[in-house]
């Protein structure tokens, strides 16, 4: 009887005994300067790489359950800017030079983070195969945030550029997309 109680307790407290479909999906271990499957939720899988200028400002491709062949390209901008309006910097379109081309991105929201603020930037939804071609065409992936008539970006971001490697990008995107289909 004692052994049965122990087995039942182990089953109750072992999350894999009563887990959802994501329990067998495991993120990769972080590797500096290499794309990995980095983040898993019940509805999405992220492939990402750390930033070269600001390490924590990674570049992510998010695959969402039901849209596993189209990735949402996201990045982050950490800033020490003393602009008192920075926390309200959300739902704003900003001009960027991404991979050498003018791209309009959307700052989704900005939140206090550590000693500054962190903005989440959405670069759009792009088919996986196009992402692989586009993001590997140069030796590095780069972005520069540009001042425009609507937004003087230097009033919000103290570092207005970042770059990322594309090492392992194709494999990480394939793996994340395949894992997404298992959600």
C-alpha atoms as a PDB file:
ATOM      1  CA  UNK A   1       0.000   0.000   0.000  1.00  0.00           C
ATOM      2  CA  UNK A   2       2.838   2.391   0.879  1.00  0.00           C
ATOM      3  CA  UNK A   3       4.366   1.891  -2.601  1.00  0.00           C
ATOM      4  CA  UNK A   4       1.005   2.616  -4.247  1.00  0.00           C
ATOM      5  CA  UNK A   5       0.727   5.911  -2.326  1.00  0.00           C
ATOM      6  CA  UNK A   6       4.242   6.900  -3.384  1.00  0.00           C
ATOM      7  CA  UNK A   7       3.470   6.075  -7.040  1.00  0.00           C
ATOM      8  CA  UNK A   8       0.229   8.081  -6.908  1.00  0.00           C
ATOM      9  CA  UNK A   9       2.036  11.057  -5.343  1.00  0.00           C
ATOM     10  CA  UNK A  10       4.703  10.904  -8.042  1.00  0.00           C
ATOM     11  CA  UNK A  11       2.018  10.834 -10.736  1.00  0.00           C
ATOM     12  CA  UNK A  12       0.168  13.781  -9.230  1.00  0.00           C
ATOM     13  CA  UNK A  13       3.261  15.952  -8.829  1.00  0.00           C
ATOM     14  CA  UNK A  14       4.980  14.917 -12.047  1.00  0.00           C
ATOM     15  CA  UNK A  15       3.839  17.467 -14.616  1.00  0.00           C
ATOM     16  CA  UNK A  16       4.495  15.067 -17.489  1.00  0.00           C
ATOM     17  CA  UNK A  17       1.817  12.685 -16.191  1.00  0.00           C
ATOM     18  CA  UNK A  18      -0.925  15.249 -16.818  1.00  0.00           C
ATOM     19  CA  UNK A  19       0.711  17.461 -19.386  1.00  0.00           C
ATOM     20  CA  UNK A  20      -0.554  19.077 -22.560  1.00  0.00           C
ATOM     21  CA  UNK A  21       0.815  18.587 -26.069  1.00  0.00           C
ATOM     22  CA  UNK A  22       3.775  20.926 -25.449  1.00  0.00           C
ATOM     23  CA  UNK A  23       5.354  18.691 -22.790  1.00  0.00           C
ATOM     24  CA  UNK A  24       7.457  16.808 -25.328  1.00  0.00           C
ATOM     25  CA  UNK A  25       8.613  20.019 -27.011  1.00  0.00           C
ATOM     26  CA  UNK A  26      11.863  21.307 -25.587  1.00  0.00           C
ATOM     27  CA  UNK A  27      13.642  24.582 -26.319  1.00  0.00           C
ATOM     28  CA  UNK A  28      17.305  24.455 -27.278  1.00  0.00           C
ATOM     29  CA  UNK A  29      20.015  25.563 -24.914  1.00  0.00           C
ATOM     30  CA  UNK A  30      20.997  29.194 -25.617  1.00  0.00           C
ATOM     31  CA  UNK A  31      24.077  29.556 -27.797  1.00  0.00           C
ATOM     32  CA  UNK A  32      25.668  32.949 -28.285  1.00  0.00           C
ATOM     33  CA  UNK A  33      25.613  34.069 -31.890  1.00  0.00           C
ATOM     34  CA  UNK A  34      23.579  31.129 -33.180  1.00  0.00           C
ATOM     35  CA  UNK A  35      19.874  30.754 -33.951  1.00  0.00           C
ATOM     36  CA  UNK A  36      18.047  28.277 -31.697  1.00  0.00           C
ATOM     37  CA  UNK A  37      14.496  27.353 -30.766  1.00  0.00           C
ATOM     38  CA  UNK A  38      14.374  29.524 -27.680  1.00  0.00           C
ATOM     39  CA  UNK A  39      10.874  29.835 -26.317  1.00  0.00           C
ATOM     40  CA  UNK A  40       7.776  27.639 -26.249  1.00  0.00           C
ATOM     41  CA  UNK A  41       4.240  28.441 -25.106  1.00  0.00           C
ATOM     42  CA  UNK A  42       1.027  26.495 -25.560  1.00  0.00           C
ATOM     43  CA  UNK A  43       0.299  28.556 -28.708  1.00  0.00           C
ATOM     44  CA  UNK A  44       3.690  29.548 -30.133  1.00  0.00           C
ATOM     45  CA  UNK A  45       7.304  28.588 -30.774  1.00  0.00           C
ATOM     46  CA  UNK A  46      10.109  31.159 -31.078  1.00  0.00           C
ATOM     47  CA  UNK A  47      13.404  30.798 -32.911  1.00  0.00           C
ATOM     48  CA  UNK A  48      15.845  33.548 -31.974  1.00  0.00           C
ATOM     49  CA  UNK A  49      19.368  34.858 -31.800  1.00  0.00           C
ATOM     50  CA  UNK A  50      21.044  37.417 -29.525  1.00  0.00           C
ATOM     51  CA  UNK A  51      21.893  40.926 -30.704  1.00  0.00           C
ATOM     52  CA  UNK A  52      25.440  41.888 -31.649  1.00  0.00           C
ATOM     53  CA  UNK A  53      25.205  45.548 -30.563  1.00  0.00           C
ATOM     54  CA  UNK A  54      22.846  45.047 -27.626  1.00  0.00           C
ATOM     55  CA  UNK A  55      23.076  41.378 -26.650  1.00  0.00           C
ATOM     56  CA  UNK A  56      19.642  41.170 -25.012  1.00  0.00           C
ATOM     57  CA  UNK A  57      17.838  42.715 -27.976  1.00  0.00           C
ATOM     58  CA  UNK A  58      17.362  39.450 -29.785  1.00  0.00           C
ATOM     59  CA  UNK A  59      15.712  38.879 -33.123  1.00  0.00           C
ATOM     60  CA  UNK A  60      12.825  36.416 -32.907  1.00  0.00           C
ATOM     61  CA  UNK A  61      10.694  34.567 -35.411  1.00  0.00           C
ATOM     62  CA  UNK A  62       7.469  33.520 -33.725  1.00  0.00           C
ATOM     63  CA  UNK A  63       5.395  30.705 -35.204  1.00  0.00           C
ATOM     64  CA  UNK A  64       1.818  30.577 -33.941  1.00  0.00           C
ATOM     65  CA  UNK A  65      -0.389  27.506 -33.736  1.00  0.00           C
ATOM     66  CA  UNK A  66      -2.418  27.259 -36.939  1.00  0.00           C
ATOM     67  CA  UNK A  67       0.039  29.515 -38.871  1.00  0.00           C
ATOM     68  CA  UNK A  68       3.171  27.410 -38.631  1.00  0.00           C
ATOM     69  CA  UNK A  69       4.587  28.234 -42.066  1.00  0.00           C
ATOM     70  CA  UNK A  70       4.456  32.010 -41.534  1.00  0.00           C
ATOM     71  CA  UNK A  71       6.736  33.698 -38.996  1.00  0.00           C
ATOM     72  CA  UNK A  72       6.191  36.908 -37.066  1.00  0.00           C
ATOM     73  CA  UNK A  73       9.516  38.776 -37.070  1.00  0.00           C
ATOM     74  CA  UNK A  74      10.025  40.564 -33.742  1.00  0.00           C
ATOM     75  CA  UNK A  75      12.863  42.368 -32.016  1.00  0.00           C
ATOM     76  CA  UNK A  76      13.394  44.387 -28.879  1.00  0.00           C
ATOM     77  CA  UNK A  77      15.080  47.673 -28.073  1.00  0.00           C
ATOM     78  CA  UNK A  78      16.440  48.354 -24.613  1.00  0.00           C
ATOM     79  CA  UNK A  79      16.942  52.034 -23.892  1.00  0.00           C
ATOM     80  CA  UNK A  80      18.224  54.215 -21.059  1.00  0.00           C
ATOM     81  CA  UNK A  81      16.513  57.240 -22.613  1.00  0.00           C
ATOM     82  CA  UNK A  82      15.237  59.706 -20.021  1.00  0.00           C
ATOM     83  CA  UNK A  83      12.245  60.625 -22.198  1.00  0.00           C
ATOM     84  CA  UNK A  84       9.337  60.742 -19.693  1.00  0.00           C
ATOM     85  CA  UNK A  85       6.936  59.671 -22.470  1.00  0.00           C
ATOM     86  CA  UNK A  86       8.870  56.495 -23.292  1.00  0.00           C
ATOM     87  CA  UNK A  87       6.496  54.254 -21.323  1.00  0.00           C
ATOM     88  CA  UNK A  88       3.701  55.521 -23.621  1.00  0.00           C
ATOM     89  CA  UNK A  89       5.685  54.663 -26.750  1.00  0.00           C
ATOM     90  CA  UNK A  90       3.312  52.007 -28.113  1.00  0.00           C
ATOM     91  CA  UNK A  91       1.218  51.310 -31.196  1.00  0.00           C
ATOM     92  CA  UNK A  92       3.552  53.631 -33.132  1.00  0.00           C
ATOM     93  CA  UNK A  93       4.880  53.079 -36.617  1.00  0.00           C
ATOM     94  CA  UNK A  94       8.577  53.811 -37.019  1.00  0.00           C
ATOM     95  CA  UNK A  95      10.829  53.999 -40.035  1.00  0.00           C
ATOM     96  CA  UNK A  96      13.724  51.568 -40.205  1.00  0.00           C
ATOM     97  CA  UNK A  97      16.397  50.494 -42.602  1.00  0.00           C
ATOM     98  CA  UNK A  98      16.185  46.707 -42.307  1.00  0.00           C
ATOM     99  CA  UNK A  99      18.597  44.638 -44.360  1.00  0.00           C
ATOM    100  CA  UNK A 100      19.336  47.723 -46.456  1.00  0.00           C
ATOM    101  CA  UNK A 101      15.705  48.494 -47.310  1.00  0.00           C
ATOM    102  CA  UNK A 102      13.236  50.978 -45.868  1.00  0.00           C
ATOM    103  CA  UNK A 103      10.762  49.065 -43.688  1.00  0.00           C
ATOM    104  CA  UNK A 104       7.975  50.474 -41.547  1.00  0.00           C
ATOM    105  CA  UNK A 105       7.863  48.616 -38.223  1.00  0.00           C
ATOM    106  CA  UNK A 106       5.427  48.892 -35.357  1.00  0.00           C
ATOM    107  CA  UNK A 107       6.426  49.471 -31.751  1.00  0.00           C
ATOM    108  CA  UNK A 108       3.840  47.277 -30.042  1.00  0.00           C
ATOM    109  CA  UNK A 109       4.533  48.436 -26.494  1.00  0.00           C
ATOM    110  CA  UNK A 110       7.225  49.705 -24.163  1.00  0.00           C
ATOM    111  CA  UNK A 111       7.644  48.647 -20.547  1.00  0.00           C
ATOM    112  CA  UNK A 112       9.982  49.555 -17.700  1.00  0.00           C
ATOM    113  CA  UNK A 113      12.833  47.049 -17.678  1.00  0.00           C
ATOM    114  CA  UNK A 114      15.896  46.969 -15.417  1.00  0.00           C
ATOM    115  CA  UNK A 115      17.269  50.547 -15.295  1.00  0.00           C
ATOM    116  CA  UNK A 116      15.529  51.662 -18.497  1.00  0.00           C
ATOM    117  CA  UNK A 117      12.747  50.573 -20.830  1.00  0.00           C
ATOM    118  CA  UNK A 118      12.281  47.785 -23.347  1.00  0.00           C
ATOM    119  CA  UNK A 119      10.252  48.218 -26.530  1.00  0.00           C
ATOM    120  CA  UNK A 120       8.846  45.310 -28.524  1.00  0.00           C
ATOM    121  CA  UNK A 121       9.039  45.936 -32.273  1.00  0.00           C
ATOM    122  CA  UNK A 122       7.007  44.012 -34.869  1.00  0.00           C
ATOM    123  CA  UNK A 123       8.515  43.745 -38.364  1.00  0.00           C
ATOM    124  CA  UNK A 124       5.583  41.792 -39.789  1.00  0.00           C
ATOM    125  CA  UNK A 125       4.455  38.314 -40.794  1.00  0.00           C
ATOM    126  CA  UNK A 126       6.553  36.641 -43.473  1.00  0.00           C
ATOM    127  CA  UNK A 127       6.362  33.144 -45.006  1.00  0.00           C
ATOM    128  CA  UNK A 128       9.055  30.878 -43.554  1.00  0.00           C
ATOM    129  CA  UNK A 129      10.742  30.202 -46.903  1.00  0.00           C
ATOM    130  CA  UNK A 130      10.938  33.942 -47.646  1.00  0.00           C
ATOM    131  CA  UNK A 131      12.439  34.575 -44.194  1.00  0.00           C
ATOM    132  CA  UNK A 132      15.150  31.998 -44.848  1.00  0.00           C
ATOM    133  CA  UNK A 133      16.037  33.559 -48.210  1.00  0.00           C
ATOM    134  CA  UNK A 134      15.825  37.179 -47.075  1.00  0.00           C
ATOM    135  CA  UNK A 135      17.648  36.837 -43.763  1.00  0.00           C
ATOM    136  CA  UNK A 136      20.539  34.824 -45.234  1.00  0.00           C
ATOM    137  CA  UNK A 137      21.198  36.985 -48.292  1.00  0.00           C
ATOM    138  CA  UNK A 138      23.875  38.985 -46.421  1.00  0.00           C
ATOM    139  CA  UNK A 139      26.438  37.882 -43.853  1.00  0.00           C
ATOM    140  CA  UNK A 140      24.495  39.631 -41.114  1.00  0.00           C
ATOM    141  CA  UNK A 141      20.996  40.846 -40.407  1.00  0.00           C
ATOM    142  CA  UNK A 142      20.823  44.537 -39.539  1.00  0.00           C
ATOM    143  CA  UNK A 143      18.401  47.261 -38.532  1.00  0.00           C
ATOM    144  CA  UNK A 144      18.735  51.002 -38.050  1.00  0.00           C
ATOM    145  CA  UNK A 145      15.878  53.058 -36.653  1.00  0.00           C
ATOM    146  CA  UNK A 146      15.503  56.356 -38.516  1.00  0.00           C
ATOM    147  CA  UNK A 147      14.084  59.715 -37.545  1.00  0.00           C
ATOM    148  CA  UNK A 148      10.945  60.653 -39.477  1.00  0.00           C
ATOM    149  CA  UNK A 149       8.524  63.555 -39.530  1.00  0.00           C
ATOM    150  CA  UNK A 150       6.248  61.603 -37.177  1.00  0.00           C
ATOM    151  CA  UNK A 151       8.853  60.285 -34.754  1.00  0.00           C
ATOM    152  CA  UNK A 152      12.301  61.480 -33.785  1.00  0.00           C
ATOM    153  CA  UNK A 153      13.494  58.012 -32.817  1.00  0.00           C
ATOM    154  CA  UNK A 154      16.610  59.323 -31.048  1.00  0.00           C
ATOM    155  CA  UNK A 155      14.290  60.842 -28.427  1.00  0.00           C
ATOM    156  CA  UNK A 156      13.145  57.313 -27.535  1.00  0.00           C
ATOM    157  CA  UNK A 157      16.080  54.986 -28.278  1.00  0.00           C
ATOM    158  CA  UNK A 158      19.622  55.808 -27.179  1.00  0.00           C
ATOM    159  CA  UNK A 159      21.004  53.035 -29.412  1.00  0.00           C
ATOM    160  CA  UNK A 160      19.315  53.175 -32.808  1.00  0.00           C
ATOM    161  CA  UNK A 161      20.810  50.121 -34.491  1.00  0.00           C
ATOM    162  CA  UNK A 162      21.472  46.448 -33.983  1.00  0.00           C
ATOM    163  CA  UNK A 163      22.636  43.470 -35.985  1.00  0.00           C
ATOM    164  CA  UNK A 164      22.369  39.712 -35.702  1.00  0.00           C
ATOM    165  CA  UNK A 165      24.123  36.695 -37.191  1.00  0.00           C
ATOM    166  CA  UNK A 166      22.297  34.234 -39.394  1.00  0.00           C
ATOM    167  CA  UNK A 167      24.271  31.162 -38.275  1.00  0.00           C
ATOM    168  CA  UNK A 168      21.856  28.237 -37.906  1.00  0.00           C
ATOM    169  CA  UNK A 169      18.870  30.311 -39.033  1.00  0.00           C
ATOM    170  CA  UNK A 170      17.468  27.867 -41.588  1.00  0.00           C
ATOM    171  CA  UNK A 171      17.669  24.883 -39.238  1.00  0.00           C
ATOM    172  CA  UNK A 172      16.135  26.815 -36.313  1.00  0.00           C
ATOM    173  CA  UNK A 173      13.237  28.064 -38.454  1.00  0.00           C
ATOM    174  CA  UNK A 174      12.534  24.562 -39.783  1.00  0.00           C
ATOM    175  CA  UNK A 175      12.666  23.087 -36.291  1.00  0.00           C
ATOM    176  CA  UNK A 176      10.415  25.806 -34.810  1.00  0.00           C
ATOM    177  CA  UNK A 177       7.910  25.466 -37.650  1.00  0.00           C
ATOM    178  CA  UNK A 178       7.805  21.666 -37.267  1.00  0.00           C
ATOM    179  CA  UNK A 179       7.382  21.965 -33.492  1.00  0.00           C
ATOM    180  CA  UNK A 180       4.603  24.531 -34.013  1.00  0.00           C
ATOM    181  CA  UNK A 181       2.651  21.956 -36.020  1.00  0.00           C
ATOM    182  CA  UNK A 182       2.673  19.704 -32.930  1.00  0.00           C
ATOM    183  CA  UNK A 183       1.001  22.308 -30.704  1.00  0.00           C
END
